[in-house]
Amino acid sequence: MNSSRRSFLKSTGLGFLALGLPPAFLVRAAKAQQLGKGKAMVVIFQRGAMDGLNAVIPFKDRAYYALRPSIAVEEPASGDDRVIDLDGFYGLHPALAPLKSIYDKGHLAIIHAAGSPDNTRSHFDAQDYMEIGTPGIKSTPDGWLNRYLNAKKTSESPFRGVAVTAQLPRIFAGSAPALTLSSIDEFRLRNEAMAKTLQRLYTTTSDSLFRFGGQNLFAAMTELRQIEPRIPASAERYPNGGFGTSLAQIARLIKADLGLEIAFTEIQGWDTHVNQGGAQGQMANRLKELAEGLSVFYRDLGDRADDVVLITMSEFGRTARENGNRGTDHGHANVMFAMGGPVRGGKVYGRWPGLAPEVLYEGRDLSLTTDFRTVCSEVIARHLGQKDLSKIFPGFRASPQTLGLIA
């Protein structure tokens, strides 16, 4: 299939159709509702490199305030623009206030000084390494979520792996079927003119793979029309914007019991080189959107939160010292969140390396003490039950002493 046709198939939002799946696979979609409740993992990628030091703030590390004279958030005290104290050392940015009750309930954990061990400061390379799960090795052909789907075939549901994104992300690339969608309501093609154009392309092409993909596309539309009325509407009002909308779709799929095991979505806008802000400003707005979306998602799941673990990741952190534009540049270690009923929350995990000049990575960044694959491996092994992690993260040997994130 030529590249333009592949791109066109991806743009329909039905990425799994480009894989040439047999029609029988799609017919099984209607049977997915018999699967019942199952465990699920949700992965959120914060693209652009979030500043972990201003998200979960080490306010008792005095170097934090020395390094950030204009963008630091003030220590805990009365007032809306202060750090929200978690344990006397770490605190949440005030824009993350909606997450505090989940933390207090024990269903939100934080992993600080975490991320990819590769030292690249390229957004493209760092994101790629985190999505393929082999930092520093570009030749890996597939993403680690796709490898999970291949390694642990628990069902034949076409909804096992779903990315609520415009196109299939690198993390889902590979031979296992994975579905992309922008919203459940747009599964079917509402524009009849587009449908006719697609049908004409499929029926006239000499490309057998493209023609086969077209047959699958319309077979899937038929099945999805039957399934869609039985997918529940959102029980909560999500924040406006693409991130809130994507979380709403994931919650609907989980509650519909369609066999979803892995869901992925993303939130953009974390590259804060200029005018990052402190308690207010550019980054605070992103954090507010993140926190409101996650807290509504948690409430919306209700008792299904007991079956779900959500984790966040970003390609790298930001420099410990603010730059001359009152922002931060590309750094190294960052912070991750883990949320859900099975999470042993109410705690900040990971060894804090400190911010003194002599312990900064390359003299400028927060040093990494927890590999992101350690966090993901614990969720995959203890929550999803895939014990052979070499199939998911080849070449990675986690520390024998686990974090203990999952009950």
Protein backbone atom coordinates (compact mmCIF):
# COMPACT_ATOMS: atom_id res chain seq x y z
CA MET A 1 0.00 0.00 0.00
CA ASN A 2 1.50 3.38 -0.91
CA SER A 3 2.17 5.98 1.78
CA SER A 4 -0.65 8.33 0.76
CA ARG A 5 -3.24 5.58 1.10
CA ARG A 6 -1.81 4.48 4.43
CA SER A 7 -2.03 8.07 5.65
CA PHE A 8 -5.61 8.30 4.42
CA LEU A 9 -6.57 5.14 6.30
CA LYS A 10 -4.99 6.49 9.47
CA SER A 11 -6.83 9.78 9.08
CA THR A 12 -10.16 7.97 9.26
CA GLY A 13 -9.47 7.28 12.92
CA LEU A 14 -9.70 3.52 12.47
CA GLY A 15 -6.04 2.64 12.61
CA PHE A 16 -6.47 -1.10 13.04
CA LEU A 17 -7.96 -1.38 9.57
CA ALA A 18 -4.60 -0.68 8.00
CA LEU A 19 -3.26 -3.86 9.53
CA GLY A 20 -5.17 -6.12 7.14
CA LEU A 21 -7.16 -7.91 9.81
CA PRO A 22 -9.47 -10.72 8.71
CA PRO A 23 -13.18 -9.85 8.63
CA ALA A 24 -13.86 -12.59 11.20
CA PHE A 25 -11.85 -10.59 13.71
CA LEU A 26 -14.18 -7.64 13.33
CA VAL A 27 -17.29 -9.75 13.59
CA ARG A 28 -16.16 -10.78 17.07
CA ALA A 29 -16.61 -7.18 18.22
CA ALA A 30 -20.27 -7.88 18.91
CA LYS A 31 -19.26 -10.69 21.27
CA ALA A 32 -16.97 -8.45 23.30
CA GLN A 33 -19.83 -7.41 25.55
CA GLN A 34 -19.91 -10.92 26.99
CA LEU A 35 -16.41 -10.48 28.41
CA GLY A 36 -17.57 -8.82 31.63
CA LYS A 37 -15.48 -6.58 33.82
CA GLY A 38 -11.72 -6.78 33.37
CA LYS A 39 -8.59 -4.97 34.46
CA ALA A 40 -7.31 -2.04 32.42
CA MET A 41 -4.25 0.17 32.19
CA VAL A 42 -4.48 3.76 30.94
CA VAL A 43 -1.34 5.58 29.75
CA ILE A 44 -1.24 9.38 29.47
CA PHE A 45 1.65 10.99 27.56
CA GLN A 46 2.40 14.63 28.41
CA ARG A 47 4.06 15.74 25.21
CA GLY A 48 6.51 18.61 25.37
CA ALA A 49 8.35 17.68 28.60
CA MET A 50 6.54 18.70 31.77
CA ASP A 51 8.46 20.50 34.50
CA GLY A 52 8.22 17.92 37.28
CA LEU A 53 9.94 20.23 39.77
CA ASN A 54 7.04 22.68 39.58
CA ALA A 55 4.38 19.96 39.48
CA VAL A 56 5.43 18.06 42.60
CA ILE A 57 7.58 20.56 44.45
CA PRO A 58 10.39 19.60 46.85
CA PHE A 59 9.73 22.69 48.96
CA LYS A 60 12.05 21.59 51.78
CA ASP A 61 15.01 21.34 49.41
CA ARG A 62 16.27 24.90 49.78
CA ALA A 63 18.11 24.73 46.48
CA TYR A 64 14.72 24.71 44.73
CA TYR A 65 14.09 28.35 45.66
CA ALA A 66 17.66 29.41 44.91
CA LEU A 67 17.46 27.91 41.43
CA ARG A 68 14.08 29.41 40.60
CA PRO A 69 13.80 32.96 41.89
CA SER A 70 10.87 33.98 39.68
CA ILE A 71 8.98 30.73 38.93
CA ALA A 72 9.14 28.88 42.26
CA VAL A 73 5.87 28.29 44.11
CA GLU A 74 5.84 29.49 47.70
CA GLU A 75 5.91 27.08 50.61
CA PRO A 76 2.66 25.76 52.11
CA ALA A 77 0.61 28.32 53.99
CA SER A 78 -2.87 29.79 53.78
CA GLY A 79 -3.80 31.01 50.33
CA ASP A 80 -4.61 29.58 46.92
CA ASP A 81 -1.18 30.24 45.36
CA ARG A 82 0.87 28.13 47.76
CA VAL A 83 2.29 24.61 47.54
CA ILE A 84 -0.21 21.99 48.74
CA ASP A 85 1.68 20.03 51.39
CA LEU A 86 1.78 16.25 50.90
CA ASP A 87 4.27 14.94 53.45
CA GLY A 88 6.28 17.81 54.84
CA PHE A 89 8.86 17.67 52.04
CA TYR A 90 6.94 17.41 48.78
CA GLY A 91 3.86 19.34 47.75
CA LEU A 92 1.53 19.68 44.79
CA HIS A 93 1.37 22.73 42.58
CA PRO A 94 -1.84 24.59 43.54
CA ALA A 95 -3.30 23.90 40.08
CA LEU A 96 -3.18 20.17 40.94
CA ALA A 97 -5.55 20.67 43.89
CA PRO A 98 -8.25 18.39 42.37
CA LEU A 99 -5.84 15.44 42.82
CA LYS A 100 -5.28 15.97 46.56
CA SER A 101 -8.41 14.11 47.66
CA ILE A 102 -7.44 11.09 45.51
CA TYR A 103 -3.97 11.17 47.05
CA ASP A 104 -5.46 11.34 50.56
CA LYS A 105 -7.76 8.43 49.75
CA GLY A 106 -4.69 6.36 48.88
CA HIS A 107 -5.45 5.99 45.18
CA LEU A 108 -2.84 8.39 43.80
CA ALA A 109 0.90 7.75 44.00
CA ILE A 110 3.73 9.98 42.79
CA ILE A 111 7.10 8.78 41.54
CA HIS A 112 9.70 11.55 41.58
CA ALA A 113 13.06 11.71 39.79
CA ALA A 114 11.66 9.22 37.26
CA GLY A 115 11.87 8.95 33.49
CA SER A 116 14.03 7.64 30.67
CA PRO A 117 17.71 6.91 31.36
CA ASP A 118 18.70 8.10 27.89
CA ASN A 119 20.25 11.57 27.98
CA THR A 120 18.83 12.98 24.75
CA ARG A 121 17.19 16.38 24.93
CA SER A 122 15.43 15.95 21.60
CA HIS A 123 11.64 15.83 21.99
CA PHE A 124 11.31 13.49 19.02
CA ASP A 125 13.95 11.01 20.13
CA ALA A 126 12.96 11.04 23.79
CA GLN A 127 9.29 10.45 23.03
CA ASP A 128 10.22 7.70 20.61
CA TYR A 129 12.40 5.96 23.19
CA MET A 130 9.67 6.05 25.81
CA GLU A 131 7.07 4.73 23.38
CA ILE A 132 9.16 1.87 22.02
CA GLY A 133 10.46 1.11 25.50
CA THR A 134 14.14 0.72 24.56
CA PRO A 135 15.89 4.00 25.45
CA GLY A 136 18.89 4.63 23.23
CA ILE A 137 17.97 1.92 20.70
CA LYS A 138 16.26 3.37 17.63
CA SER A 139 15.93 0.12 15.70
CA THR A 140 13.11 -1.32 17.84
CA PRO A 141 10.21 -1.73 15.39
CA ASP A 142 7.24 -1.82 17.74
CA GLY A 143 5.85 -0.02 20.77
CA TRP A 144 5.76 -1.57 24.23
CA LEU A 145 1.97 -1.43 24.52
CA ASN A 146 1.71 -3.39 21.29
CA ARG A 147 4.19 -5.93 22.63
CA TYR A 148 1.97 -6.37 25.68
CA LEU A 149 -1.04 -7.06 23.44
CA ASN A 150 1.00 -9.68 21.58
CA ALA A 151 2.43 -11.28 24.71
CA LYS A 152 -0.79 -11.65 26.70
CA LYS A 153 -3.68 -12.63 24.47
CA THR A 154 -6.50 -12.60 26.98
CA SER A 155 -9.37 -12.15 24.52
CA GLU A 156 -10.22 -11.55 20.86
CA SER A 157 -11.93 -8.23 21.49
CA PRO A 158 -10.90 -5.57 18.95
CA PHE A 159 -11.14 -3.13 21.84
CA ARG A 160 -8.22 -4.62 23.80
CA GLY A 161 -5.93 -1.76 22.83
CA VAL A 162 -7.38 1.68 22.08
CA ALA A 163 -5.63 4.99 21.43
CA VAL A 164 -7.86 8.06 21.64
CA THR A 165 -5.66 10.05 19.28
CA ALA A 166 -5.78 11.35 15.72
CA GLN A 167 -3.40 8.63 14.48
CA LEU A 168 -1.98 5.40 15.80
CA PRO A 169 0.83 6.43 18.21
CA ARG A 170 4.27 4.87 18.17
CA ILE A 171 3.58 3.14 21.49
CA PHE A 172 0.93 1.00 19.75
CA ALA A 173 2.90 0.31 16.56
CA GLY A 174 3.33 -3.37 15.79
CA SER A 175 1.60 -6.52 14.63
CA ALA A 176 -1.07 -6.73 17.33
CA PRO A 177 -4.38 -5.07 16.43
CA ALA A 178 -4.86 -1.65 17.99
CA LEU A 179 -7.73 0.74 17.48
CA THR A 180 -7.53 4.51 17.09
CA LEU A 181 -10.47 6.84 17.46
CA SER A 182 -11.12 10.47 18.22
CA SER A 183 -14.53 9.75 19.73
CA ILE A 184 -16.96 6.87 19.92
CA ASP A 185 -19.62 8.95 18.21
CA GLU A 186 -17.37 9.39 15.16
CA PHE A 187 -16.75 5.71 14.58
CA ARG A 188 -19.26 5.72 11.80
CA LEU A 189 -18.65 8.04 8.88
CA ARG A 190 -21.36 10.66 9.02
CA ASN A 191 -20.30 12.38 5.84
CA GLU A 192 -21.95 10.33 3.09
CA ALA A 193 -19.83 11.99 0.43
CA MET A 194 -16.69 10.77 2.19
CA ALA A 195 -18.13 7.29 2.52
CA LYS A 196 -18.87 7.15 -1.20
CA THR A 197 -15.37 8.40 -2.00
CA LEU A 198 -13.87 5.72 0.22
CA GLN A 199 -15.98 2.99 -1.35
CA ARG A 200 -14.97 4.09 -4.83
CA LEU A 201 -11.28 4.07 -3.85
CA TYR A 202 -11.53 0.61 -2.36
CA THR A 203 -13.45 -0.98 -5.20
CA THR A 204 -11.31 0.45 -8.00
CA THR A 205 -7.83 0.00 -6.53
CA SER A 206 -5.57 -2.79 -7.71
CA ASP A 207 -3.83 -2.78 -4.33
CA SER A 208 -5.18 -5.92 -2.62
CA LEU A 209 -4.15 -4.83 0.87
CA PHE A 210 -5.84 -1.46 0.47
CA ARG A 211 -8.96 -3.11 -0.94
CA PHE A 212 -9.00 -5.59 1.93
CA GLY A 213 -8.61 -2.72 4.40
CA GLY A 214 -11.58 -1.00 2.81
CA GLN A 215 -13.76 -4.09 3.18
CA ASN A 216 -12.78 -4.27 6.84
CA LEU A 217 -13.55 -0.59 7.32
CA PHE A 218 -17.15 -0.91 6.28
CA ALA A 219 -17.56 -4.21 8.10
CA ALA A 220 -16.34 -2.47 11.25
CA MET A 221 -18.74 0.41 10.74
CA THR A 222 -21.60 -2.08 10.60
CA GLU A 223 -20.52 -3.78 13.82
CA LEU A 224 -19.90 -0.51 15.62
CA ARG A 225 -23.34 0.78 14.77
CA GLN A 226 -24.72 -2.22 16.64
CA ILE A 227 -22.41 -1.75 19.62
CA GLU A 228 -22.59 2.03 20.00
CA PRO A 229 -26.13 2.27 21.48
CA ARG A 230 -25.03 0.04 24.35
CA ILE A 231 -22.01 2.17 25.30
CA PRO A 232 -22.97 4.35 28.32
CA ALA A 233 -22.80 8.13 28.20
CA SER A 234 -20.41 9.98 30.50
CA ALA A 235 -21.71 10.26 34.06
CA GLU A 236 -19.59 13.36 34.74
CA ARG A 237 -18.93 16.67 33.04
CA TYR A 238 -15.38 16.66 31.73
CA PRO A 239 -13.34 19.85 31.17
CA ASN A 240 -13.46 21.36 27.72
CA GLY A 241 -10.73 20.45 25.27
CA GLY A 242 -9.24 17.41 23.64
CA PHE A 243 -7.80 15.91 26.81
CA GLY A 244 -11.08 15.91 28.70
CA THR A 245 -12.88 14.52 25.67
CA SER A 246 -10.38 11.69 25.29
CA LEU A 247 -10.67 10.69 28.96
CA ALA A 248 -14.46 10.67 28.63
CA GLN A 249 -14.21 8.24 25.70
CA ILE A 250 -11.88 5.94 27.63
CA ALA A 251 -14.18 5.90 30.65
CA ARG A 252 -17.14 5.02 28.43
CA LEU A 253 -15.26 2.13 26.86
CA ILE A 254 -14.15 0.78 30.24
CA LYS A 255 -17.67 0.92 31.68
CA ALA A 256 -19.11 -0.71 28.55
CA ASP A 257 -17.17 -3.92 29.36
CA LEU A 258 -15.95 -4.36 25.79
CA GLY A 259 -12.72 -6.05 26.77
CA LEU A 260 -10.53 -2.93 26.87
CA GLU A 261 -7.17 -3.65 28.54
CA ILE A 262 -4.92 -0.83 27.36
CA ALA A 263 -5.95 2.74 26.59
CA PHE A 264 -3.70 5.60 25.55
CA THR A 265 -4.14 9.32 25.09
CA GLU A 266 -2.03 12.47 25.32
CA ILE A 267 -2.01 16.07 26.44
CA GLN A 268 0.15 18.65 24.68
CA GLY A 269 1.71 21.98 25.63
CA TRP A 270 4.42 21.27 28.21
CA ASP A 271 7.41 22.89 26.47
CA THR A 272 7.76 25.97 28.70
CA HIS A 273 10.92 27.77 27.56
CA VAL A 274 9.46 31.26 27.98
CA ASN A 275 7.21 32.76 30.69
CA GLN A 276 6.48 29.44 32.34
CA GLY A 277 4.95 31.09 35.39
CA GLY A 278 4.85 29.91 38.97
CA ALA A 279 1.59 29.45 40.86
CA GLN A 280 -0.17 31.11 37.91
CA GLY A 281 0.61 31.20 34.23
CA GLN A 282 1.28 28.98 31.26
CA MET A 283 2.27 25.79 33.06
CA ALA A 284 -0.37 26.25 35.76
CA ASN A 285 -3.01 26.23 33.03
CA ARG A 286 -1.74 22.91 31.69
CA LEU A 287 -1.63 21.43 35.19
CA LYS A 288 -5.18 22.58 35.85
CA GLU A 289 -6.39 20.86 32.68
CA LEU A 290 -4.52 17.69 33.63
CA ALA A 291 -5.78 17.61 37.22
CA GLU A 292 -9.38 18.39 36.39
CA GLY A 293 -9.43 15.75 33.68
CA LEU A 294 -7.91 13.05 35.90
CA SER A 295 -10.16 13.81 38.87
CA VAL A 296 -13.32 13.72 36.76
CA PHE A 297 -12.15 10.48 35.12
CA TYR A 298 -11.63 8.92 38.56
CA ARG A 299 -15.12 9.96 39.71
CA ASP A 300 -16.69 8.86 36.45
CA LEU A 301 -15.31 5.34 36.77
CA GLY A 302 -17.00 4.89 40.13
CA ASP A 303 -16.46 1.36 41.41
CA ARG A 304 -14.70 0.48 38.14
CA ALA A 305 -11.72 2.49 39.43
CA ASP A 306 -10.90 -0.68 41.37
CA ASP A 307 -10.03 -2.35 38.05
CA VAL A 308 -8.04 0.51 36.50
CA VAL A 309 -4.50 1.85 36.89
CA LEU A 310 -3.63 5.09 35.09
CA ILE A 311 -0.05 6.27 34.69
CA THR A 312 1.40 9.48 33.28
CA MET A 313 4.72 10.03 31.55
CA SER A 314 6.57 12.81 29.76
CA GLU A 315 9.67 12.53 27.58
CA PHE A 316 12.00 14.32 30.02
CA GLY A 317 11.92 16.99 32.70
CA ARG A 318 13.17 20.56 32.68
CA THR A 319 16.36 22.23 33.86
CA ALA A 320 16.62 22.72 37.61
CA ARG A 321 17.57 26.38 37.12
CA GLU A 322 15.18 28.74 35.38
CA ASN A 323 16.49 30.39 32.24
CA GLY A 324 16.75 34.07 31.31
CA ASN A 325 13.25 34.05 29.82
CA ARG A 326 11.60 32.98 33.09
CA GLY A 327 11.12 29.50 31.72
CA THR A 328 12.98 26.21 31.78
CA ASP A 329 14.87 24.28 29.14
CA HIS A 330 15.10 20.59 28.28
CA GLY A 331 16.25 18.55 31.26
CA HIS A 332 16.41 14.96 32.45
CA ALA A 333 14.44 13.31 35.29
CA ASN A 334 10.78 14.12 35.83
CA VAL A 335 7.76 13.00 37.84
CA MET A 336 5.16 10.32 37.09
CA PHE A 337 1.68 9.78 38.54
CA ALA A 338 -0.08 6.46 39.15
CA MET A 339 -3.81 6.55 39.92
CA GLY A 340 -6.50 3.94 40.53
CA GLY A 341 -8.03 1.58 43.05
CA PRO A 342 -5.15 -0.95 43.00
CA VAL A 343 -2.52 1.80 43.56
CA ARG A 344 -0.85 2.08 46.95
CA GLY A 345 -1.18 5.82 46.97
CA GLY A 346 -0.87 8.62 49.45
CA LYS A 347 2.91 8.48 49.04
CA VAL A 348 5.74 9.91 46.96
CA TYR A 349 7.94 7.05 45.73
CA GLY A 350 11.53 7.07 44.49
CA ARG A 351 14.81 8.23 45.95
CA TRP A 352 15.22 11.99 45.98
CA PRO A 353 18.70 12.86 44.60
CA GLY A 354 18.66 16.49 45.68
CA LEU A 355 19.17 19.77 43.85
CA ALA A 356 22.56 20.85 45.19
CA PRO A 357 24.97 21.79 42.37
CA GLU A 358 27.24 18.80 42.94
CA VAL A 359 24.42 16.23 42.50
CA LEU A 360 22.68 17.71 39.48
CA TYR A 361 22.84 15.60 36.33
CA GLU A 362 25.44 17.12 34.00
CA GLY A 363 25.47 20.07 36.39
CA ARG A 364 22.02 21.26 35.32
CA ASP A 365 19.21 18.71 35.73
CA LEU A 366 17.46 16.59 38.31
CA SER A 367 19.19 13.20 38.36
CA LEU A 368 17.18 10.09 37.52
CA THR A 369 16.70 7.47 40.24
CA THR A 370 13.71 5.50 38.87
CA ASP A 371 13.52 4.20 35.30
CA PHE A 372 10.03 4.69 33.84
CA ARG A 373 10.09 1.02 32.83
CA THR A 374 10.19 0.06 36.50
CA VAL A 375 6.87 1.83 37.05
CA CYS A 376 5.28 0.39 33.90
CA SER A 377 6.61 -3.10 34.65
CA GLU A 378 4.98 -3.15 38.08
CA VAL A 379 1.63 -2.20 36.62
CA ILE A 380 1.92 -4.78 33.85
CA ALA A 381 3.06 -7.57 36.16
CA ARG A 382 1.04 -6.95 39.32
CA HIS A 383 -2.11 -5.42 37.84
CA LEU A 384 -2.42 -6.99 34.39
CA GLY A 385 -0.72 -10.26 35.31
CA GLN A 386 1.94 -10.37 32.58
CA LYS A 387 4.93 -11.81 34.44
CA ASP A 388 7.39 -12.23 31.57
CA LEU A 389 8.48 -8.62 31.27
CA SER A 390 11.31 -9.44 28.85
CA LYS A 391 8.64 -9.60 26.15
CA ILE A 392 7.54 -6.06 26.96
CA PHE A 393 10.83 -4.33 27.75
CA PRO A 394 13.62 -6.34 26.05
CA GLY A 395 17.02 -5.86 27.58
CA PHE A 396 15.69 -4.18 30.71
CA ARG A 397 16.38 -5.67 34.12
CA ALA A 398 14.41 -3.96 36.86
CA SER A 399 15.77 -3.71 40.36
CA PRO A 400 14.89 -6.78 42.44
CA GLN A 401 13.49 -4.38 45.05
CA THR A 402 10.24 -3.16 43.51
CA LEU A 403 8.61 0.15 44.34
CA GLY A 404 5.51 -1.57 45.67
CA LEU A 405 3.10 0.69 43.79
CA ILE A 406 0.39 -1.92 43.23
CA ALA A 407 -1.52 -3.70 45.97
